[in-house]
């Protein structure tokens, strides 16, 4: 539980610390934080790389959520009890 809380609370506090309250956006807050931090350290070229990595990670997470239920249905259907004969493998 402590690890989960640390994973969600610490980055949120870091973003709130870096971006002023009036300028923070709910939809773009993470990229704003990376933009400000990378500009401060002189590595602003890495912002698009982080954006691509975040997009790929979000897509991979979405695919895992979409694939899980279909795999579960397929696995339970393999017992040949829950599906009609036309749906069995």
PDB file of N, CA and C in Angstrom:
ATOM      1  N   UNK A   1       0.819  -1.171   0.000  1.00  0.00           N
ATOM      2  CA  UNK A   1       0.000   0.000   0.000  1.00  0.00           C
ATOM      3  C   UNK A   1       0.876   1.254   0.000  1.00  0.00           C
ATOM      4  N   UNK A   2       1.953   1.220   0.758  1.00  0.00           N
ATOM      5  CA  UNK A   2       2.846   2.378   0.810  1.00  0.00           C
ATOM      6  C   UNK A   2       3.484   2.643  -0.545  1.00  0.00           C
ATOM      7  N   UNK A   3       3.817   1.575  -1.260  1.00  0.00           N
ATOM      8  CA  UNK A   3       4.410   1.737  -2.588  1.00  0.00           C
ATOM      9  C   UNK A   3       3.417   2.367  -3.556  1.00  0.00           C
ATOM     10  N   UNK A   4       2.179   1.917  -3.519  1.00  0.00           N
ATOM     11  CA  UNK A   4       1.156   2.491  -4.401  1.00  0.00           C
ATOM     12  C   UNK A   4       0.933   3.957  -4.069  1.00  0.00           C
ATOM     13  N   UNK A   5       0.838   4.272  -2.798  1.00  0.00           N
ATOM     14  CA  UNK A   5       0.670   5.677  -2.406  1.00  0.00           C
ATOM     15  C   UNK A   5       1.857   6.525  -2.856  1.00  0.00           C
ATOM     16  N   UNK A   6       3.066   6.009  -2.709  1.00  0.00           N
ATOM     17  CA  UNK A   6       4.257   6.753  -3.127  1.00  0.00           C
ATOM     18  C   UNK A   6       4.277   6.961  -4.632  1.00  0.00           C
ATOM     19  N   UNK A   7       3.859   5.954  -5.379  1.00  0.00           N
ATOM     20  CA  UNK A   7       3.860   6.063  -6.839  1.00  0.00           C
ATOM     21  C   UNK A   7       2.879   7.125  -7.317  1.00  0.00           C
ATOM     22  N   UNK A   8       1.749   7.265  -6.643  1.00  0.00           N
ATOM     23  CA  UNK A   8       0.745   8.230  -7.093  1.00  0.00           C
ATOM     24  C   UNK A   8       0.886   9.596  -6.446  1.00  0.00           C
ATOM     25  N   UNK A   9       1.323   9.665  -5.211  1.00  0.00           N
ATOM     26  CA  UNK A   9       1.371  10.953  -4.513  1.00  0.00           C
ATOM     27  C   UNK A   9       2.639  11.740  -4.845  1.00  0.00           C
ATOM     28  N   UNK A  10       3.791  11.090  -4.853  1.00  0.00           N
ATOM     29  CA  UNK A  10       5.044  11.820  -5.085  1.00  0.00           C
ATOM     30  C   UNK A  10       5.111  12.506  -6.459  1.00  0.00           C
ATOM     31  N   UNK A  11       4.752  11.825  -7.557  1.00  0.00           N
ATOM     32  CA  UNK A  11       4.767  12.548  -8.837  1.00  0.00           C
ATOM     33  C   UNK A  11       3.759  13.694  -8.886  1.00  0.00           C
ATOM     34  N   UNK A  12       2.612  13.515  -8.248  1.00  0.00           N
ATOM     35  CA  UNK A  12       1.622  14.593  -8.215  1.00  0.00           C
ATOM     36  C   UNK A  12       2.155  15.797  -7.451  1.00  0.00           C
ATOM     37  N   UNK A  13       2.821  15.559  -6.350  1.00  0.00           N
ATOM     38  CA  UNK A  13       3.422  16.664  -5.602  1.00  0.00           C
ATOM     39  C   UNK A  13       4.546  17.330  -6.394  1.00  0.00           C
ATOM     40  N   UNK A  14       5.324  16.540  -7.128  1.00  0.00           N
ATOM     41  CA  UNK A  14       6.396  17.112  -7.945  1.00  0.00           C
ATOM     42  C   UNK A  14       5.831  18.013  -9.034  1.00  0.00           C
ATOM     43  N   UNK A  15       4.757  17.577  -9.678  1.00  0.00           N
ATOM     44  CA  UNK A  15       4.127  18.404 -10.716  1.00  0.00           C
ATOM     45  C   UNK A  15       3.560  19.671 -10.097  1.00  0.00           C
ATOM     46  N   UNK A  16       2.891  19.552  -8.953  1.00  0.00           N
ATOM     47  CA  UNK A  16       2.329  20.727  -8.286  1.00  0.00           C
ATOM     48  C   UNK A  16       3.414  21.680  -7.819  1.00  0.00           C
ATOM     49  N   UNK A  17       4.596  21.161  -7.520  1.00  0.00           N
ATOM     50  CA  UNK A  17       5.699  22.009  -7.068  1.00  0.00           C
ATOM     51  C   UNK A  17       6.340  22.753  -8.230  1.00  0.00           C
ATOM     52  N   UNK A  18       6.392  22.133  -9.406  1.00  0.00           N
ATOM     53  CA  UNK A  18       7.078  22.721 -10.560  1.00  0.00           C
ATOM     54  C   UNK A  18       6.195  23.716 -11.300  1.00  0.00           C
ATOM     55  N   UNK A  19       4.915  23.409 -11.465  1.00  0.00           N
ATOM     56  CA  UNK A  19       4.025  24.260 -12.263  1.00  0.00           C
ATOM     57  C   UNK A  19       3.209  25.142 -11.327  1.00  0.00           C
ATOM     58  N   UNK A  20       3.173  26.449 -11.592  1.00  0.00           N
ATOM     59  CA  UNK A  20       2.357  27.349 -10.765  1.00  0.00           C
ATOM     60  C   UNK A  20       0.873  26.965 -10.823  1.00  0.00           C
ATOM     61  N   UNK A  21       0.167  27.234  -9.751  1.00  0.00           N
ATOM     62  CA  UNK A  21      -1.239  26.834  -9.625  1.00  0.00           C
ATOM     63  C   UNK A  21      -2.116  27.391 -10.742  1.00  0.00           C
ATOM     64  N   UNK A  22      -1.870  28.614 -11.152  1.00  0.00           N
ATOM     65  CA  UNK A  22      -2.710  29.258 -12.167  1.00  0.00           C
ATOM     66  C   UNK A  22      -2.444  28.719 -13.582  1.00  0.00           C
ATOM     67  N   UNK A  23      -1.292  28.102 -13.796  1.00  0.00           N
ATOM     68  CA  UNK A  23      -0.915  27.661 -15.139  1.00  0.00           C
ATOM     69  C   UNK A  23      -1.100  26.163 -15.381  1.00  0.00           C
ATOM     70  N   UNK A  24      -1.386  25.412 -14.336  1.00  0.00           N
ATOM     71  CA  UNK A  24      -1.454  23.962 -14.493  1.00  0.00           C
ATOM     72  C   UNK A  24      -2.738  23.555 -15.220  1.00  0.00           C
ATOM     73  N   UNK A  25      -2.600  22.584 -16.089  1.00  0.00           N
ATOM     74  CA  UNK A  25      -3.725  22.064 -16.844  1.00  0.00           C
ATOM     75  C   UNK A  25      -3.975  20.627 -16.406  1.00  0.00           C
ATOM     76  N   UNK A  26      -5.232  20.263 -16.253  1.00  0.00           N
ATOM     77  CA  UNK A  26      -5.551  18.903 -15.846  1.00  0.00           C
ATOM     78  C   UNK A  26      -5.223  17.895 -16.938  1.00  0.00           C
ATOM     79  N   UNK A  27      -5.341  18.300 -18.182  1.00  0.00           N
ATOM     80  CA  UNK A  27      -5.111  17.364 -19.287  1.00  0.00           C
ATOM     81  C   UNK A  27      -3.660  17.319 -19.730  1.00  0.00           C
ATOM     82  N   UNK A  28      -2.910  18.374 -19.526  1.00  0.00           N
ATOM     83  CA  UNK A  28      -1.529  18.422 -20.014  1.00  0.00           C
ATOM     84  C   UNK A  28      -0.521  18.663 -18.895  1.00  0.00           C
ATOM     85  N   UNK A  29      -0.900  18.414 -17.656  1.00  0.00           N
ATOM     86  CA  UNK A  29      -0.029  18.713 -16.528  1.00  0.00           C
ATOM     87  C   UNK A  29       1.275  17.943 -16.532  1.00  0.00           C
ATOM     88  N   UNK A  30       1.224  16.678 -16.923  1.00  0.00           N
ATOM     89  CA  UNK A  30       2.448  15.867 -16.927  1.00  0.00           C
ATOM     90  C   UNK A  30       3.422  16.401 -17.974  1.00  0.00           C
ATOM     91  N   UNK A  31       2.937  16.692 -19.169  1.00  0.00           N
ATOM     92  CA  UNK A  31       3.829  17.206 -20.213  1.00  0.00           C
ATOM     93  C   UNK A  31       4.309  18.613 -19.878  1.00  0.00           C
ATOM     94  N   UNK A  32       3.490  19.400 -19.212  1.00  0.00           N
ATOM     95  CA  UNK A  32       3.940  20.717 -18.760  1.00  0.00           C
ATOM     96  C   UNK A  32       5.097  20.562 -17.790  1.00  0.00           C
ATOM     97  N   UNK A  33       4.975  19.627 -16.873  1.00  0.00           N
ATOM     98  CA  UNK A  33       6.035  19.412 -15.889  1.00  0.00           C
ATOM     99  C   UNK A  33       7.330  18.971 -16.571  1.00  0.00           C
ATOM    100  N   UNK A  34       7.241  18.028 -17.505  1.00  0.00           N
ATOM    101  CA  UNK A  34       8.439  17.594 -18.225  1.00  0.00           C
ATOM    102  C   UNK A  34       9.040  18.739 -19.035  1.00  0.00           C
ATOM    103  N   UNK A  35       8.190  19.541 -19.654  1.00  0.00           N
ATOM    104  CA  UNK A  35       8.673  20.673 -20.454  1.00  0.00           C
ATOM    105  C   UNK A  35       9.431  21.668 -19.586  1.00  0.00           C
ATOM    106  N   UNK A  36       8.876  22.004 -18.428  1.00  0.00           N
ATOM    107  CA  UNK A  36       9.528  22.966 -17.538  1.00  0.00           C
ATOM    108  C   UNK A  36      10.815  22.389 -16.950  1.00  0.00           C
ATOM    109  N   UNK A  37      10.768  21.135 -16.490  1.00  0.00           N
ATOM    110  CA  UNK A  37      11.964  20.529 -15.902  1.00  0.00           C
ATOM    111  C   UNK A  37      13.083  20.366 -16.925  1.00  0.00           C
ATOM    112  N   UNK A  38      12.748  19.873 -18.111  1.00  0.00           N
ATOM    113  CA  UNK A  38      13.778  19.670 -19.132  1.00  0.00           C
ATOM    114  C   UNK A  38      14.337  20.998 -19.628  1.00  0.00           C
ATOM    115  N   UNK A  39      13.500  22.026 -19.711  1.00  0.00           N
ATOM    116  CA  UNK A  39      13.998  23.342 -20.104  1.00  0.00           C
ATOM    117  C   UNK A  39      14.949  23.881 -19.041  1.00  0.00           C
ATOM    118  N   UNK A  40      14.648  23.634 -17.782  1.00  0.00           N
ATOM    119  CA  UNK A  40      15.508  24.100 -16.694  1.00  0.00           C
ATOM    120  C   UNK A  40      16.892  23.442 -16.757  1.00  0.00           C
ATOM    121  N   UNK A  41      16.929  22.160 -17.091  1.00  0.00           N
ATOM    122  CA  UNK A  41      18.198  21.441 -17.151  1.00  0.00           C
ATOM    123  C   UNK A  41      18.839  21.456 -18.537  1.00  0.00           C
ATOM    124  N   UNK A  42      18.236  22.149 -19.491  1.00  0.00           N
ATOM    125  CA  UNK A  42      18.823  22.302 -20.814  1.00  0.00           C
ATOM    126  C   UNK A  42      18.704  21.081 -21.720  1.00  0.00           C
ATOM    127  N   UNK A  43      17.756  20.222 -21.455  1.00  0.00           N
ATOM    128  CA  UNK A  43      17.570  19.042 -22.307  1.00  0.00           C
ATOM    129  C   UNK A  43      16.145  19.019 -22.861  1.00  0.00           C
ATOM    130  N   UNK A  44      15.718  20.154 -23.385  1.00  0.00           N
ATOM    131  CA  UNK A  44      14.359  20.293 -23.892  1.00  0.00           C
ATOM    132  C   UNK A  44      14.085  19.382 -25.085  1.00  0.00           C
ATOM    133  N   UNK A  45      15.152  18.915 -25.753  1.00  0.00           N
ATOM    134  CA  UNK A  45      14.971  18.018 -26.898  1.00  0.00           C
ATOM    135  C   UNK A  45      14.343  16.687 -26.481  1.00  0.00           C
ATOM    136  N   UNK A  46      14.391  16.346 -25.196  1.00  0.00           N
ATOM    137  CA  UNK A  46      13.870  15.067 -24.718  1.00  0.00           C
ATOM    138  C   UNK A  46      12.353  15.083 -24.494  1.00  0.00           C
ATOM    139  N   UNK A  47      11.722  16.242 -24.560  1.00  0.00           N
ATOM    140  CA  UNK A  47      10.276  16.326 -24.322  1.00  0.00           C
ATOM    141  C   UNK A  47       9.494  15.485 -25.339  1.00  0.00           C
ATOM    142  N   UNK A  48       9.777  15.573 -26.648  1.00  0.00           N
ATOM    143  CA  UNK A  48       9.043  14.716 -27.588  1.00  0.00           C
ATOM    144  C   UNK A  48       9.286  13.225 -27.353  1.00  0.00           C
ATOM    145  N   UNK A  49      10.475  12.865 -26.907  1.00  0.00           N
ATOM    146  CA  UNK A  49      10.756  11.462 -26.626  1.00  0.00           C
ATOM    147  C   UNK A  49       9.903  10.962 -25.456  1.00  0.00           C
ATOM    148  N   UNK A  50       9.772  11.781 -24.431  1.00  0.00           N
ATOM    149  CA  UNK A  50       8.938  11.419 -23.295  1.00  0.00           C
ATOM    150  C   UNK A  50       7.473  11.344 -23.717  1.00  0.00           C
ATOM    151  N   UNK A  51       7.040  12.264 -24.571  1.00  0.00           N
ATOM    152  CA  UNK A  51       5.659  12.239 -25.049  1.00  0.00           C
ATOM    153  C   UNK A  51       5.367  10.961 -25.828  1.00  0.00           C
ATOM    154  N   UNK A  52       6.296  10.548 -26.668  1.00  0.00           N
ATOM    155  CA  UNK A  52       6.128   9.305 -27.432  1.00  0.00           C
ATOM    156  C   UNK A  52       6.108   8.109 -26.486  1.00  0.00           C
ATOM    157  N   UNK A  53       6.998   8.097 -25.504  1.00  0.00           N
ATOM    158  CA  UNK A  53       7.037   6.991 -24.543  1.00  0.00           C
ATOM    159  C   UNK A  53       5.738   6.919 -23.731  1.00  0.00           C
ATOM    160  N   UNK A  54       5.200   8.070 -23.322  1.00  0.00           N
ATOM    161  CA  UNK A  54       3.935   8.076 -22.590  1.00  0.00           C
ATOM    162  C   UNK A  54       2.778   7.588 -23.457  1.00  0.00           C
ATOM    163  N   UNK A  55       2.770   7.984 -24.726  1.00  0.00           N
ATOM    164  CA  UNK A  55       1.710   7.536 -25.630  1.00  0.00           C
ATOM    165  C   UNK A  55       1.784   6.028 -25.860  1.00  0.00           C
ATOM    166  N   UNK A  56       2.983   5.502 -26.049  1.00  0.00           N
ATOM    167  CA  UNK A  56       3.143   4.056 -26.240  1.00  0.00           C
ATOM    168  C   UNK A  56       2.733   3.306 -24.976  1.00  0.00           C
ATOM    169  N   UNK A  57       3.112   3.821 -23.815  1.00  0.00           N
ATOM    170  CA  UNK A  57       2.726   3.189 -22.553  1.00  0.00           C
ATOM    171  C   UNK A  57       1.219   3.202 -22.343  1.00  0.00           C
ATOM    172  N   UNK A  58       0.567   4.310 -22.680  1.00  0.00           N
ATOM    173  CA  UNK A  58      -0.888   4.379 -22.550  1.00  0.00           C
ATOM    174  C   UNK A  58      -1.569   3.409 -23.508  1.00  0.00           C
ATOM    175  N   UNK A  59      -1.056   3.309 -24.726  1.00  0.00           N
ATOM    176  CA  UNK A  59      -1.616   2.377 -25.702  1.00  0.00           C
ATOM    177  C   UNK A  59      -1.426   0.928 -25.243  1.00  0.00           C
ATOM    178  N   UNK A  60      -0.253   0.623 -24.710  1.00  0.00           N
ATOM    179  CA  UNK A  60      -0.001  -0.737 -24.217  1.00  0.00           C
ATOM    180  C   UNK A  60      -0.915  -1.070 -23.046  1.00  0.00           C
ATOM    181  N   UNK A  61      -1.125  -0.129 -22.152  1.00  0.00           N
ATOM    182  CA  UNK A  61      -2.044  -0.359 -21.039  1.00  0.00           C
ATOM    183  C   UNK A  61      -3.469  -0.568 -21.511  1.00  0.00           C
ATOM    184  N   UNK A  62      -3.886   0.212 -22.504  1.00  0.00           N
ATOM    185  CA  UNK A  62      -5.225   0.058 -23.044  1.00  0.00           C
ATOM    186  C   UNK A  62      -5.390  -1.306 -23.704  1.00  0.00           C
ATOM    187  N   UNK A  63      -4.373  -1.745 -24.434  1.00  0.00           N
ATOM    188  CA  UNK A  63      -4.448  -3.045 -25.096  1.00  0.00           C
ATOM    189  C   UNK A  63      -4.516  -4.178 -24.070  1.00  0.00           C
ATOM    190  N   UNK A  64      -3.812  -4.034 -22.953  1.00  0.00           N
ATOM    191  CA  UNK A  64      -3.876  -5.054 -21.909  1.00  0.00           C
ATOM    192  C   UNK A  64      -5.269  -5.122 -21.290  1.00  0.00           C
ATOM    193  N   UNK A  65      -5.876  -3.957 -21.073  1.00  0.00           N
ATOM    194  CA  UNK A  65      -7.226  -3.937 -20.519  1.00  0.00           C
ATOM    195  C   UNK A  65      -8.247  -4.505 -21.500  1.00  0.00           C
ATOM    196  N   UNK A  66      -8.041  -4.287 -22.791  1.00  0.00           N
ATOM    197  CA  UNK A  66      -8.968  -4.823 -23.784  1.00  0.00           C
ATOM    198  C   UNK A  66      -8.780  -6.321 -23.998  1.00  0.00           C
ATOM    199  N   UNK A  67      -7.554  -6.797 -23.895  1.00  0.00           N
ATOM    200  CA  UNK A  67      -7.260  -8.199 -24.155  1.00  0.00           C
ATOM    201  C   UNK A  67      -7.633  -9.103 -22.978  1.00  0.00           C
ATOM    202  N   UNK A  68      -7.577  -8.583 -21.781  1.00  0.00           N
ATOM    203  CA  UNK A  68      -7.826  -9.404 -20.596  1.00  0.00           C
ATOM    204  C   UNK A  68      -9.190 -10.071 -20.574  1.00  0.00           C
ATOM    205  N   UNK A  69     -10.277  -9.317 -20.739  1.00  0.00           N
ATOM    206  CA  UNK A  69     -11.597  -9.970 -20.707  1.00  0.00           C
ATOM    207  C   UNK A  69     -11.796 -10.999 -21.819  1.00  0.00           C
ATOM    208  N   UNK A  70     -11.280 -10.733 -23.018  1.00  0.00           N
ATOM    209  CA  UNK A  70     -11.461 -11.700 -24.100  1.00  0.00           C
ATOM    210  C   UNK A  70     -10.670 -12.976 -23.822  1.00  0.00           C
ATOM    211  N   UNK A  71      -9.487 -12.844 -23.221  1.00  0.00           N
ATOM    212  CA  UNK A  71      -8.723 -14.041 -22.851  1.00  0.00           C
ATOM    213  C   UNK A  71      -9.435 -14.818 -21.740  1.00  0.00           C
ATOM    214  N   UNK A  72     -10.037 -14.105 -20.811  1.00  0.00           N
ATOM    215  CA  UNK A  72     -10.777 -14.773 -19.751  1.00  0.00           C
ATOM    216  C   UNK A  72     -11.981 -15.531 -20.279  1.00  0.00           C
ATOM    217  N   UNK A  73     -12.699 -14.896 -21.196  1.00  0.00           N
ATOM    218  CA  UNK A  73     -13.845 -15.586 -21.803  1.00  0.00           C
ATOM    219  C   UNK A  73     -13.396 -16.795 -22.601  1.00  0.00           C
ATOM    220  N   UNK A  74     -12.311 -16.646 -23.321  1.00  0.00           N
ATOM    221  CA  UNK A  74     -11.802 -17.759 -24.112  1.00  0.00           C
ATOM    222  C   UNK A  74     -11.350 -18.902 -23.212  1.00  0.00           C
ATOM    223  N   UNK A  75     -10.704 -18.573 -22.111  1.00  0.00           N
ATOM    224  CA  UNK A  75     -10.240 -19.606 -21.187  1.00  0.00           C
ATOM    225  C   UNK A  75     -11.384 -20.330 -20.512  1.00  0.00           C
ATOM    226  N   UNK A  76     -12.403 -19.577 -20.093  1.00  0.00           N
ATOM    227  CA  UNK A  76     -13.540 -20.227 -19.452  1.00  0.00           C
ATOM    228  C   UNK A  76     -14.367 -21.000 -20.467  1.00  0.00           C
ATOM    229  N   UNK A  77     -14.377 -20.551 -21.695  1.00  0.00           N
ATOM    230  CA  UNK A  77     -15.095 -21.272 -22.742  1.00  0.00           C
ATOM    231  C   UNK A  77     -14.405 -22.552 -23.143  1.00  0.00           C
ATOM    232  N   UNK A  78     -13.118 -22.659 -22.839  1.00  0.00           N
ATOM    233  CA  UNK A  78     -12.379 -23.870 -23.180  1.00  0.00           C
ATOM    234  C   UNK A  78     -12.874 -25.072 -22.397  1.00  0.00           C
ATOM    235  N   UNK A  79     -13.524 -24.833 -21.274  1.00  0.00           N
ATOM    236  CA  UNK A  79     -14.057 -25.951 -20.497  1.00  0.00           C
ATOM    237  C   UNK A  79     -15.308 -26.536 -21.149  1.00  0.00           C
ATOM    238  N   UNK A  80     -15.776 -25.899 -22.214  1.00  0.00           N
ATOM    239  CA  UNK A  80     -16.928 -26.347 -22.997  1.00  0.00           C
ATOM    240  C   UNK A  80     -18.217 -26.417 -22.168  1.00  0.00           C
ATOM    241  N   UNK A  81     -18.324 -25.529 -21.207  1.00  0.00           N
ATOM    242  CA  UNK A  81     -19.523 -25.498 -20.385  1.00  0.00           C
ATOM    243  C   UNK A  81     -20.299 -24.206 -20.608  1.00  0.00           C
ATOM    244  N   UNK A  82     -19.588 -23.110 -20.808  1.00  0.00           N
ATOM    245  CA  UNK A  82     -20.236 -21.803 -20.800  1.00  0.00           C
ATOM    246  C   UNK A  82     -20.679 -21.305 -22.174  1.00  0.00           C
ATOM    247  N   UNK A  83     -20.087 -21.806 -23.246  1.00  0.00           N
ATOM    248  CA  UNK A  83     -20.409 -21.305 -24.579  1.00  0.00           C
ATOM    249  C   UNK A  83     -21.249 -22.318 -25.355  1.00  0.00           C
ATOM    250  N   UNK A  84     -22.009 -21.821 -26.287  1.00  0.00           N
ATOM    251  CA  UNK A  84     -22.736 -22.697 -27.190  1.00  0.00           C
ATOM    252  C   UNK A  84     -21.751 -23.473 -28.050  1.00  0.00           C
ATOM    253  N   UNK A  85     -22.132 -24.612 -28.574  1.00  0.00           N
ATOM    254  CA  UNK A  85     -21.211 -25.407 -29.382  1.00  0.00           C
ATOM    255  C   UNK A  85     -20.646 -24.631 -30.581  1.00  0.00           C
ATOM    256  N   UNK A  86     -21.400 -23.716 -31.134  1.00  0.00           N
ATOM    257  CA  UNK A  86     -20.904 -22.966 -32.299  1.00  0.00           C
ATOM    258  C   UNK A  86     -19.771 -21.999 -31.924  1.00  0.00           C
ATOM    259  N   UNK A  87     -19.644 -21.665 -30.636  1.00  0.00           N
ATOM    260  CA  UNK A  87     -18.585 -20.751 -30.200  1.00  0.00           C
ATOM    261  C   UNK A  87     -17.365 -21.459 -29.658  1.00  0.00           C
ATOM    262  N   UNK A  88     -17.416 -22.756 -29.562  1.00  0.00           N
ATOM    263  CA  UNK A  88     -16.273 -23.502 -29.024  1.00  0.00           C
ATOM    264  C   UNK A  88     -15.215 -23.678 -30.070  1.00  0.00           C
ATOM    265  N   UNK A  89     -14.002 -23.851 -29.624  1.00  0.00           N
ATOM    266  CA  UNK A  89     -12.886 -24.031 -30.551  1.00  0.00           C
ATOM    267  C   UNK A  89     -12.841 -25.434 -31.081  1.00  0.00           C
TER     268      UNK A  89
END
